[in-house]
Amino acid sequence: ARVDWRRSARDDRLYVREREWEAAHNIWFWIDRSASMAFASDLAGASK
């Protein structure tokens, strides 16, 4: 039932029509801002 017969008729292979994922999900962030993060050396491009 997943075969797209109209598209498959134009070729010698069977094809499936895929839809795009539209269900957004949650992404949660946490950023460490404790004292140890306030550190930098002159070898670094930025502090932590």
All heavy atoms as atom14 arrays in JSON, in Angstrom:
{
  "sequence": "ARVDWRRSARDDRLYVREREWEAAHNIWFWIDRSASMAFASDLAGASK",
  "atom14_mask": [
    [1, 1, 1, 1, 1, 0, 0, 0, 0, 0, 0, 0, 0, 0],
    [1, 1, 1, 1, 1, 1, 1, 1, 1, 1, 1, 0, 0, 0],
    [1, 1, 1, 1, 1, 1, 1, 0, 0, 0, 0, 0, 0, 0],
    [1, 1, 1, 1, 1, 1, 1, 1, 0, 0, 0, 0, 0, 0],
    [1, 1, 1, 1, 1, 1, 1, 1, 1, 1, 1, 1, 1, 1],
    [1, 1, 1, 1, 1, 1, 1, 1, 1, 1, 1, 0, 0, 0],
    [1, 1, 1, 1, 1, 1, 1, 1, 1, 1, 1, 0, 0, 0],
    [1, 1, 1, 1, 1, 1, 0, 0, 0, 0, 0, 0, 0, 0],
    [1, 1, 1, 1, 1, 0, 0, 0, 0, 0, 0, 0, 0, 0],
    [1, 1, 1, 1, 1, 1, 1, 1, 1, 1, 1, 0, 0, 0],
    [1, 1, 1, 1, 1, 1, 1, 1, 0, 0, 0, 0, 0, 0],
    [1, 1, 1, 1, 1, 1, 1, 1, 0, 0, 0, 0, 0, 0],
    [1, 1, 1, 1, 1, 1, 1, 1, 1, 1, 1, 0, 0, 0],
    [1, 1, 1, 1, 1, 1, 1, 1, 0, 0, 0, 0, 0, 0],
    [1, 1, 1, 1, 1, 1, 1, 1, 1, 1, 1, 1, 0, 0],
    [1, 1, 1, 1, 1, 1, 1, 0, 0, 0, 0, 0, 0, 0],
    [1, 1, 1, 1, 1, 1, 1, 1, 1, 1, 1, 0, 0, 0],
    [1, 1, 1, 1, 1, 1, 1, 1, 1, 0, 0, 0, 0, 0],
    [1, 1, 1, 1, 1, 1, 1, 1, 1, 1, 1, 0, 0, 0],
    [1, 1, 1, 1, 1, 1, 1, 1, 1, 0, 0, 0, 0, 0],
    [1, 1, 1, 1, 1, 1, 1, 1, 1, 1, 1, 1, 1, 1],
    [1, 1, 1, 1, 1, 1, 1, 1, 1, 0, 0, 0, 0, 0],
    [1, 1, 1, 1, 1, 0, 0, 0, 0, 0, 0, 0, 0, 0],
    [1, 1, 1, 1, 1, 0, 0, 0, 0, 0, 0, 0, 0, 0],
    [1, 1, 1, 1, 1, 1, 1, 1, 1, 1, 0, 0, 0, 0],
    [1, 1, 1, 1, 1, 1, 1, 1, 0, 0, 0, 0, 0, 0],
    [1, 1, 1, 1, 1, 1, 1, 1, 0, 0, 0, 0, 0, 0],
    [1, 1, 1, 1, 1, 1, 1, 1, 1, 1, 1, 1, 1, 1],
    [1, 1, 1, 1, 1, 1, 1, 1, 1, 1, 1, 0, 0, 0],
    [1, 1, 1, 1, 1, 1, 1, 1, 1, 1, 1, 1, 1, 1],
    [1, 1, 1, 1, 1, 1, 1, 1, 0, 0, 0, 0, 0, 0],
    [1, 1, 1, 1, 1, 1, 1, 1, 0, 0, 0, 0, 0, 0],
    [1, 1, 1, 1, 1, 1, 1, 1, 1, 1, 1, 0, 0, 0],
    [1, 1, 1, 1, 1, 1, 0, 0, 0, 0, 0, 0, 0, 0],
    [1, 1, 1, 1, 1, 0, 0, 0, 0, 0, 0, 0, 0, 0],
    [1, 1, 1, 1, 1, 1, 0, 0, 0, 0, 0, 0, 0, 0],
    [1, 1, 1, 1, 1, 1, 1, 1, 0, 0, 0, 0, 0, 0],
    [1, 1, 1, 1, 1, 0, 0, 0, 0, 0, 0, 0, 0, 0],
    [1, 1, 1, 1, 1, 1, 1, 1, 1, 1, 1, 0, 0, 0],
    [1, 1, 1, 1, 1, 0, 0, 0, 0, 0, 0, 0, 0, 0],
    [1, 1, 1, 1, 1, 1, 0, 0, 0, 0, 0, 0, 0, 0],
    [1, 1, 1, 1, 1, 1, 1, 1, 0, 0, 0, 0, 0, 0],
    [1, 1, 1, 1, 1, 1, 1, 1, 0, 0, 0, 0, 0, 0],
    [1, 1, 1, 1, 1, 0, 0, 0, 0, 0, 0, 0, 0, 0],
    [1, 1, 1, 1, 0, 0, 0, 0, 0, 0, 0, 0, 0, 0],
    [1, 1, 1, 1, 1, 0, 0, 0, 0, 0, 0, 0, 0, 0],
    [1, 1, 1, 1, 1, 1, 0, 0, 0, 0, 0, 0, 0, 0],
    [1, 1, 1, 1, 1, 1, 1, 1, 1, 0, 0, 0, 0, 0]
  ],
  "atom14_positions": [
    [[0.82, -1.21, 0.0], [0.0, 0.0, 0.0], [0.85, 1.26, 0.0], [0.35, 2.35, -0.32], [-0.93, 0.0, 1.22], [0.0, 0.0, 0.0], [0.0, 0.0, 0.0], [0.0, 0.0, 0.0], [0.0, 0.0, 0.0], [0.0, 0.0, 0.0], [0.0, 0.0, 0.0], [0.0, 0.0, 0.0], [0.0, 0.0, 0.0], [0.0, 0.0, 0.0]],
    [[2.13, 1.14, 0.35], [2.99, 2.32, 0.39], [3.52, 2.7, -1.0], [4.08, 3.76, -1.18], [4.17, 2.08, 1.33], [3.76, 1.77, 2.76], [4.9, 1.99, 3.7], [5.35, 3.37, 3.69], [6.46, 3.81, 4.28], [7.24, 2.95, 4.92], [6.8, 5.08, 4.23], [0.0, 0.0, 0.0], [0.0, 0.0, 0.0], [0.0, 0.0, 0.0]],
    [[3.37, 1.81, -1.98], [3.9, 2.07, -3.32], [3.11, 3.2, -3.99], [1.88, 3.23, -3.95], [3.83, 0.79, -4.18], [4.26, 1.1, -5.62], [4.71, -0.3, -3.57], [0.0, 0.0, 0.0], [0.0, 0.0, 0.0], [0.0, 0.0, 0.0], [0.0, 0.0, 0.0], [0.0, 0.0, 0.0], [0.0, 0.0, 0.0], [0.0, 0.0, 0.0]],
    [[3.84, 4.13, -4.59], [3.2, 5.18, -5.4], [3.17, 4.66, -6.84], [4.16, 4.74, -7.57], [4.01, 6.49, -5.3], [3.29, 7.63, -5.98], [3.25, 7.66, -7.22], [2.77, 8.51, -5.26], [0.0, 0.0, 0.0], [0.0, 0.0, 0.0], [0.0, 0.0, 0.0], [0.0, 0.0, 0.0], [0.0, 0.0, 0.0], [0.0, 0.0, 0.0]],
    [[2.01, 4.12, -7.25], [1.93, 3.44, -8.53], [2.03, 4.41, -9.71], [2.56, 4.05, -10.77], [0.61, 2.65, -8.62], [0.54, 1.58, -7.56], [-0.21, 1.59, -6.42], [1.28, 0.36, -7.55], [0.02, 0.44, -5.69], [0.93, -0.33, -6.35], [2.21, -0.22, -8.42], [1.47, -1.56, -6.02], [2.76, -1.45, -8.09], [2.37, -2.11, -6.89]],
    [[1.6, 5.62, -9.53], [1.69, 6.61, -10.61], [3.14, 6.91, -10.94], [3.54, 6.98, -12.1], [0.95, 7.88, -10.21], [0.88, 8.92, -11.31], [-0.04, 10.06, -10.89], [-0.16, 11.05, -11.94], [-0.94, 12.12, -11.86], [-1.68, 12.31, -10.76], [-0.99, 12.99, -12.85], [0.0, 0.0, 0.0], [0.0, 0.0, 0.0], [0.0, 0.0, 0.0]],
    [[3.97, 7.14, -9.87], [5.4, 7.39, -10.1], [6.1, 6.13, -10.6], [6.95, 6.19, -11.5], [6.05, 7.87, -8.79], [7.58, 7.98, -8.85], [8.02, 9.02, -9.85], [9.47, 9.1, -9.95], [10.21, 8.32, -10.75], [9.6, 7.41, -11.52], [11.51, 8.47, -10.8], [0.0, 0.0, 0.0], [0.0, 0.0, 0.0], [0.0, 0.0, 0.0]],
    [[5.72, 4.99, -10.06], [6.39, 3.74, -10.45], [6.12, 3.39, -11.9], [6.95, 2.73, -12.55], [5.91, 2.6, -9.54], [6.21, 2.87, -8.18], [0.0, 0.0, 0.0], [0.0, 0.0, 0.0], [0.0, 0.0, 0.0], [0.0, 0.0, 0.0], [0.0, 0.0, 0.0], [0.0, 0.0, 0.0], [0.0, 0.0, 0.0], [0.0, 0.0, 0.0]],
    [[4.98, 3.83, -12.44], [4.63, 3.51, -13.83], [5.57, 4.17, -14.82], [5.66, 3.74, -15.97], [3.18, 3.93, -14.1], [0.0, 0.0, 0.0], [0.0, 0.0, 0.0], [0.0, 0.0, 0.0], [0.0, 0.0, 0.0], [0.0, 0.0, 0.0], [0.0, 0.0, 0.0], [0.0, 0.0, 0.0], [0.0, 0.0, 0.0], [0.0, 0.0, 0.0]],
    [[6.31, 5.21, -14.39], [7.22, 5.91, -15.3], [8.61, 5.29, -15.31], [9.49, 5.79, -16.0], [7.34, 7.38, -14.87], [6.0, 8.1, -14.8], [6.17, 9.6, -14.94], [7.15, 10.15, -14.03], [6.86, 10.69, -12.84], [5.59, 10.7, -12.42], [7.79, 11.2, -12.08], [0.0, 0.0, 0.0], [0.0, 0.0, 0.0], [0.0, 0.0, 0.0]],
    [[8.79, 4.19, -14.58], [10.12, 3.61, -14.47], [9.98, 2.09, -14.34], [8.88, 1.55, -14.29], [10.84, 4.19, -13.24], [12.34, 4.16, -13.38], [12.84, 3.35, -14.17], [13.02, 4.93, -12.67], [0.0, 0.0, 0.0], [0.0, 0.0, 0.0], [0.0, 0.0, 0.0], [0.0, 0.0, 0.0], [0.0, 0.0, 0.0], [0.0, 0.0, 0.0]],
    [[11.11, 1.42, -14.29], [11.1, -0.02, -14.11], [11.23, -0.43, -12.65], [11.45, -1.6, -12.35], [12.26, -0.66, -14.9], [12.09, -0.48, -16.4], [10.92, -0.45, -16.85], [13.11, -0.39, -17.11], [0.0, 0.0, 0.0], [0.0, 0.0, 0.0], [0.0, 0.0, 0.0], [0.0, 0.0, 0.0], [0.0, 0.0, 0.0], [0.0, 0.0, 0.0]],
    [[11.11, 0.55, -11.75], [11.24, 0.27, -10.33], [9.99, 0.73, -9.6], [9.22, 1.55, -10.11], [12.47, 0.99, -9.74], [13.77, 0.64, -10.42], [14.92, 1.38, -9.79], [15.13, 0.98, -8.39], [16.08, 1.48, -7.61], [16.89, 2.42, -8.07], [16.21, 1.06, -6.36], [0.0, 0.0, 0.0], [0.0, 0.0, 0.0], [0.0, 0.0, 0.0]],
    [[9.81, 0.2, -8.39], [8.72, 0.65, -7.53], [9.23, 1.75, -6.61], [10.35, 1.67, -6.09], [8.19, -0.52, -6.7], [7.55, -1.68, -7.49], [7.11, -2.77, -6.53], [6.39, -1.18, -8.33], [0.0, 0.0, 0.0], [0.0, 0.0, 0.0], [0.0, 0.0, 0.0], [0.0, 0.0, 0.0], [0.0, 0.0, 0.0], [0.0, 0.0, 0.0]],
    [[8.38, 2.77, -6.39], [8.78, 3.9, -5.56], [7.75, 4.14, -4.45], [6.55, 3.88, -4.63], [8.92, 5.18, -6.39], [10.11, 5.17, -7.31], [10.01, 4.69, -8.62], [11.36, 5.64, -6.86], [11.1, 4.67, -9.45], [12.46, 5.62, -7.71], [12.32, 5.14, -8.99], [13.41, 5.12, -9.82], [0.0, 0.0, 0.0], [0.0, 0.0, 0.0]],
    [[8.25, 4.67, -3.35], [7.42, 5.05, -2.22], [7.47, 6.56, -2.08], [8.54, 7.17, -2.19], [7.92, 4.38, -0.91], [7.19, 4.93, 0.3], [7.74, 2.87, -1.0], [0.0, 0.0, 0.0], [0.0, 0.0, 0.0], [0.0, 0.0, 0.0], [0.0, 0.0, 0.0], [0.0, 0.0, 0.0], [0.0, 0.0, 0.0], [0.0, 0.0, 0.0]],
    [[6.32, 7.18, -1.86], [6.26, 8.63, -1.64], [6.44, 8.88, -0.14], [5.67, 8.4, 0.68], [4.92, 9.18, -2.1], [4.7, 10.66, -1.77], [3.28, 11.08, -2.12], [3.09, 11.14, -3.55], [3.21, 12.25, -4.28], [3.54, 13.4, -3.69], [3.01, 12.23, -5.58], [0.0, 0.0, 0.0], [0.0, 0.0, 0.0], [0.0, 0.0, 0.0]],
    [[7.46, 9.65, 0.21], [7.71, 9.99, 1.62], [7.26, 11.41, 1.9], [7.46, 12.31, 1.08], [9.2, 9.85, 1.96], [9.67, 8.42, 2.07], [11.05, 8.33, 2.66], [11.88, 9.22, 2.39], [11.33, 7.36, 3.37], [0.0, 0.0, 0.0], [0.0, 0.0, 0.0], [0.0, 0.0, 0.0], [0.0, 0.0, 0.0], [0.0, 0.0, 0.0]],
    [[6.65, 11.59, 3.06], [6.27, 12.92, 3.53], [7.35, 13.44, 4.48], [8.12, 12.68, 5.05], [4.92, 12.88, 4.23], [3.76, 12.49, 3.32], [2.45, 12.55, 4.05], [1.32, 12.28, 3.18], [0.83, 11.08, 2.94], [1.38, 10.02, 3.54], [-0.2, 10.92, 2.15], [0.0, 0.0, 0.0], [0.0, 0.0, 0.0], [0.0, 0.0, 0.0]],
    [[7.37, 14.74, 4.64], [8.35, 15.36, 5.53], [7.86, 15.34, 6.96], [6.69, 15.57, 7.24], [8.62, 16.81, 5.1], [9.7, 17.49, 5.93], [10.0, 18.89, 5.44], [9.42, 19.29, 4.41], [10.8, 19.58, 6.08], [0.0, 0.0, 0.0], [0.0, 0.0, 0.0], [0.0, 0.0, 0.0], [0.0, 0.0, 0.0], [0.0, 0.0, 0.0]],
    [[8.8, 15.06, 7.88], [8.49, 15.09, 9.3], [8.09, 16.5, 9.71], [8.8, 17.46, 9.49], [9.72, 14.64, 10.09], [9.53, 14.64, 11.58], [9.62, 15.7, 12.42], [9.2, 13.52, 12.39], [9.38, 15.31, 13.71], [9.12, 13.98, 13.73], [8.98, 12.17, 12.12], [8.83, 13.13, 14.79], [8.69, 11.32, 13.18], [8.62, 11.82, 14.5]],
    [[6.92, 16.64, 10.34], [6.43, 17.96, 10.7], [6.17, 18.12, 12.19], [5.66, 19.14, 12.63], [5.15, 18.27, 9.93], [5.38, 18.38, 8.42], [4.09, 18.64, 7.67], [3.01, 18.56, 8.28], [4.16, 18.92, 6.47], [0.0, 0.0, 0.0], [0.0, 0.0, 0.0], [0.0, 0.0, 0.0], [0.0, 0.0, 0.0], [0.0, 0.0, 0.0]],
    [[6.5, 17.09, 12.97], [6.24, 17.16, 14.41], [7.46, 17.71, 15.14], [8.42, 17.0, 15.34], [5.87, 15.77, 14.94], [0.0, 0.0, 0.0], [0.0, 0.0, 0.0], [0.0, 0.0, 0.0], [0.0, 0.0, 0.0], [0.0, 0.0, 0.0], [0.0, 0.0, 0.0], [0.0, 0.0, 0.0], [0.0, 0.0, 0.0], [0.0, 0.0, 0.0]],
    [[7.41, 18.97, 15.51], [8.51, 19.57, 16.26], [8.59, 18.92, 17.64], [7.58, 18.53, 18.21], [8.3, 21.07, 16.39], [0.0, 0.0, 0.0], [0.0, 0.0, 0.0], [0.0, 0.0, 0.0], [0.0, 0.0, 0.0], [0.0, 0.0, 0.0], [0.0, 0.0, 0.0], [0.0, 0.0, 0.0], [0.0, 0.0, 0.0], [0.0, 0.0, 0.0]],
    [[9.8, 18.8, 18.17], [9.93, 18.3, 19.52], [10.75, 19.3, 20.32], [11.28, 20.26, 19.79], [10.55, 16.9, 19.55], [11.96, 16.82, 19.08], [12.38, 17.23, 17.83], [13.07, 16.36, 19.7], [13.68, 17.02, 17.7], [14.12, 16.52, 18.83], [0.0, 0.0, 0.0], [0.0, 0.0, 0.0], [0.0, 0.0, 0.0], [0.0, 0.0, 0.0]],
    [[10.83, 19.08, 21.62], [11.48, 20.04, 22.51], [12.97, 19.73, 22.66], [13.35, 18.57, 22.84], [10.82, 20.01, 23.89], [9.36, 20.41, 23.84], [8.94, 21.21, 23.0], [8.56, 19.85, 24.73], [0.0, 0.0, 0.0], [0.0, 0.0, 0.0], [0.0, 0.0, 0.0], [0.0, 0.0, 0.0], [0.0, 0.0, 0.0], [0.0, 0.0, 0.0]],
    [[13.77, 20.77, 22.63], [15.19, 20.66, 22.88], [15.53, 21.59, 24.04], [15.29, 22.8, 23.97], [16.02, 21.04, 21.64], [15.63, 20.16, 20.44], [17.52, 20.93, 21.93], [16.32, 20.52, 19.15], [0.0, 0.0, 0.0], [0.0, 0.0, 0.0], [0.0, 0.0, 0.0], [0.0, 0.0, 0.0], [0.0, 0.0, 0.0], [0.0, 0.0, 0.0]],
    [[16.05, 21.0, 25.12], [16.31, 21.74, 26.35], [17.81, 21.97, 26.52], [18.6, 21.04, 26.37], [15.76, 20.98, 27.55], [14.29, 20.76, 27.51], [13.64, 19.63, 27.11], [13.28, 21.71, 27.84], [12.28, 19.81, 27.18], [12.03, 21.07, 27.63], [13.3, 23.02, 28.31], [10.82, 21.72, 27.86], [12.09, 23.66, 28.54], [10.87, 23.01, 28.32]],
    [[18.17, 23.22, 26.86], [19.57, 23.57, 27.05], [19.85, 23.87, 28.52], [19.0, 24.36, 29.26], [19.92, 24.82, 26.22], [20.15, 24.54, 24.77], [19.09, 24.5, 23.88], [21.43, 24.33, 24.28], [19.3, 24.24, 22.54], [21.65, 24.07, 22.94], [20.58, 24.04, 22.07], [0.0, 0.0, 0.0], [0.0, 0.0, 0.0], [0.0, 0.0, 0.0]],
    [[21.07, 23.59, 28.93], [21.61, 24.08, 30.19], [23.05, 24.51, 29.91], [23.82, 23.76, 29.29], [21.59, 23.03, 31.28], [22.3, 23.49, 32.53], [21.82, 24.37, 33.46], [23.61, 23.13, 32.95], [22.77, 24.56, 34.45], [23.87, 23.82, 34.16], [24.6, 22.29, 32.43], [25.08, 23.69, 34.84], [25.8, 22.16, 33.1], [26.03, 22.85, 34.3]],
    [[23.41, 25.72, 30.35], [24.76, 26.26, 30.15], [25.39, 26.51, 31.51], [24.86, 27.29, 32.32], [24.72, 27.57, 29.32], [24.06, 27.31, 27.96], [26.11, 28.13, 29.14], [23.81, 28.56, 27.14], [0.0, 0.0, 0.0], [0.0, 0.0, 0.0], [0.0, 0.0, 0.0], [0.0, 0.0, 0.0], [0.0, 0.0, 0.0], [0.0, 0.0, 0.0]],
    [[26.5, 25.87, 31.76], [27.23, 26.01, 33.03], [27.82, 27.41, 33.12], [28.6, 27.84, 32.28], [28.35, 24.96, 33.06], [29.14, 24.96, 34.36], [28.82, 25.77, 35.26], [30.07, 24.15, 34.46], [0.0, 0.0, 0.0], [0.0, 0.0, 0.0], [0.0, 0.0, 0.0], [0.0, 0.0, 0.0], [0.0, 0.0, 0.0], [0.0, 0.0, 0.0]],
    [[27.44, 28.14, 34.19], [28.0, 29.48, 34.42], [28.65, 29.57, 35.79], [28.76, 30.65, 36.37], [26.88, 30.53, 34.27], [26.37, 30.66, 32.83], [25.23, 31.65, 32.73], [24.05, 31.17, 33.43], [23.34, 31.9, 34.29], [23.72, 33.13, 34.59], [22.27, 31.4, 34.88], [0.0, 0.0, 0.0], [0.0, 0.0, 0.0], [0.0, 0.0, 0.0]],
    [[29.09, 28.43, 36.32], [29.77, 28.41, 37.61], [31.16, 29.03, 37.48], [31.65, 29.31, 36.37], [29.87, 26.98, 38.13], [30.63, 26.17, 37.26], [0.0, 0.0, 0.0], [0.0, 0.0, 0.0], [0.0, 0.0, 0.0], [0.0, 0.0, 0.0], [0.0, 0.0, 0.0], [0.0, 0.0, 0.0], [0.0, 0.0, 0.0], [0.0, 0.0, 0.0]],
    [[31.83, 29.21, 38.61], [33.1, 29.95, 38.63], [34.19, 29.3, 37.78], [35.02, 29.99, 37.19], [33.59, 30.09, 40.07], [0.0, 0.0, 0.0], [0.0, 0.0, 0.0], [0.0, 0.0, 0.0], [0.0, 0.0, 0.0], [0.0, 0.0, 0.0], [0.0, 0.0, 0.0], [0.0, 0.0, 0.0], [0.0, 0.0, 0.0], [0.0, 0.0, 0.0]],
    [[34.2, 27.99, 37.69], [35.26, 27.33, 36.91], [35.17, 27.64, 35.43], [36.15, 27.47, 34.69], [35.22, 25.82, 37.13], [34.03, 25.26, 36.58], [0.0, 0.0, 0.0], [0.0, 0.0, 0.0], [0.0, 0.0, 0.0], [0.0, 0.0, 0.0], [0.0, 0.0, 0.0], [0.0, 0.0, 0.0], [0.0, 0.0, 0.0], [0.0, 0.0, 0.0]],
    [[34.0, 28.09, 34.96], [33.86, 28.44, 33.55], [34.5, 29.78, 33.23], [34.75, 30.1, 32.07], [32.38, 28.46, 33.17], [31.7, 27.11, 33.21], [32.32, 25.99, 31.94], [31.62, 26.73, 30.46], [0.0, 0.0, 0.0], [0.0, 0.0, 0.0], [0.0, 0.0, 0.0], [0.0, 0.0, 0.0], [0.0, 0.0, 0.0], [0.0, 0.0, 0.0]],
    [[34.75, 30.61, 34.25], [35.33, 31.94, 34.03], [36.85, 31.83, 33.99], [37.57, 32.48, 34.75], [34.89, 32.9, 35.13], [0.0, 0.0, 0.0], [0.0, 0.0, 0.0], [0.0, 0.0, 0.0], [0.0, 0.0, 0.0], [0.0, 0.0, 0.0], [0.0, 0.0, 0.0], [0.0, 0.0, 0.0], [0.0, 0.0, 0.0], [0.0, 0.0, 0.0]],
    [[37.35, 31.02, 33.11], [38.78, 30.73, 33.02], [39.22, 30.82, 31.57], [38.5, 30.38, 30.66], [39.06, 29.33, 33.57], [40.5, 28.9, 33.45], [41.43, 29.3, 34.38], [40.91, 28.11, 32.38], [42.76, 28.92, 34.27], [42.24, 27.72, 32.26], [43.16, 28.12, 33.21], [0.0, 0.0, 0.0], [0.0, 0.0, 0.0], [0.0, 0.0, 0.0]],
    [[40.39, 31.39, 31.36], [40.93, 31.49, 30.0], [42.44, 31.57, 30.06], [43.01, 32.14, 31.0], [40.37, 32.71, 29.28], [0.0, 0.0, 0.0], [0.0, 0.0, 0.0], [0.0, 0.0, 0.0], [0.0, 0.0, 0.0], [0.0, 0.0, 0.0], [0.0, 0.0, 0.0], [0.0, 0.0, 0.0], [0.0, 0.0, 0.0], [0.0, 0.0, 0.0]],
    [[43.09, 30.98, 29.08], [44.54, 31.11, 28.92], [44.81, 31.84, 27.62], [43.91, 32.0, 26.79], [45.21, 29.73, 28.91], [44.95, 29.06, 27.69], [0.0, 0.0, 0.0], [0.0, 0.0, 0.0], [0.0, 0.0, 0.0], [0.0, 0.0, 0.0], [0.0, 0.0, 0.0], [0.0, 0.0, 0.0], [0.0, 0.0, 0.0], [0.0, 0.0, 0.0]],
    [[46.06, 32.24, 27.43], [46.37, 32.94, 26.17], [46.55, 31.97, 25.0], [46.86, 32.39, 23.89], [47.6, 33.84, 26.33], [48.84, 33.08, 26.78], [48.76, 31.83, 26.93], [49.88, 33.72, 27.0], [0.0, 0.0, 0.0], [0.0, 0.0, 0.0], [0.0, 0.0, 0.0], [0.0, 0.0, 0.0], [0.0, 0.0, 0.0], [0.0, 0.0, 0.0]],
    [[46.31, 30.67, 25.24], [46.29, 29.69, 24.14], [44.9, 29.54, 23.55], [44.74, 28.91, 22.51], [46.77, 28.32, 24.64], [48.2, 28.23, 25.2], [48.51, 26.79, 25.6], [49.21, 28.72, 24.17], [0.0, 0.0, 0.0], [0.0, 0.0, 0.0], [0.0, 0.0, 0.0], [0.0, 0.0, 0.0], [0.0, 0.0, 0.0], [0.0, 0.0, 0.0]],
    [[43.91, 30.11, 24.24], [42.52, 29.93, 23.83], [42.01, 31.11, 23.02], [42.49, 32.24, 23.15], [41.64, 29.74, 25.06], [0.0, 0.0, 0.0], [0.0, 0.0, 0.0], [0.0, 0.0, 0.0], [0.0, 0.0, 0.0], [0.0, 0.0, 0.0], [0.0, 0.0, 0.0], [0.0, 0.0, 0.0], [0.0, 0.0, 0.0], [0.0, 0.0, 0.0]],
    [[41.01, 30.83, 22.19], [40.39, 31.9, 21.42], [39.33, 32.65, 22.2], [38.93, 33.74, 21.82], [0.0, 0.0, 0.0], [0.0, 0.0, 0.0], [0.0, 0.0, 0.0], [0.0, 0.0, 0.0], [0.0, 0.0, 0.0], [0.0, 0.0, 0.0], [0.0, 0.0, 0.0], [0.0, 0.0, 0.0], [0.0, 0.0, 0.0], [0.0, 0.0, 0.0]],
    [[38.89, 32.06, 23.31], [37.85, 32.68, 24.14], [37.85, 31.99, 25.49], [38.39, 30.89, 25.65], [36.47, 32.54, 23.48], [0.0, 0.0, 0.0], [0.0, 0.0, 0.0], [0.0, 0.0, 0.0], [0.0, 0.0, 0.0], [0.0, 0.0, 0.0], [0.0, 0.0, 0.0], [0.0, 0.0, 0.0], [0.0, 0.0, 0.0], [0.0, 0.0, 0.0]],
    [[37.24, 32.63, 26.49], [37.07, 31.97, 27.77], [36.04, 30.85, 27.63], [35.25, 30.82, 26.67], [36.6, 32.98, 28.83], [35.28, 33.41, 28.54], [0.0, 0.0, 0.0], [0.0, 0.0, 0.0], [0.0, 0.0, 0.0], [0.0, 0.0, 0.0], [0.0, 0.0, 0.0], [0.0, 0.0, 0.0], [0.0, 0.0, 0.0], [0.0, 0.0, 0.0]],
    [[36.04, 29.95, 28.58], [35.09, 28.84, 28.52], [33.65, 29.34, 28.57], [32.78, 28.82, 27.85], [35.36, 27.85, 29.65], [36.67, 27.1, 29.51], [36.77, 25.94, 30.49], [36.84, 26.4, 31.92], [37.01, 25.26, 32.86], [0.0, 0.0, 0.0], [0.0, 0.0, 0.0], [0.0, 0.0, 0.0], [0.0, 0.0, 0.0], [0.0, 0.0, 0.0]]
  ]
}
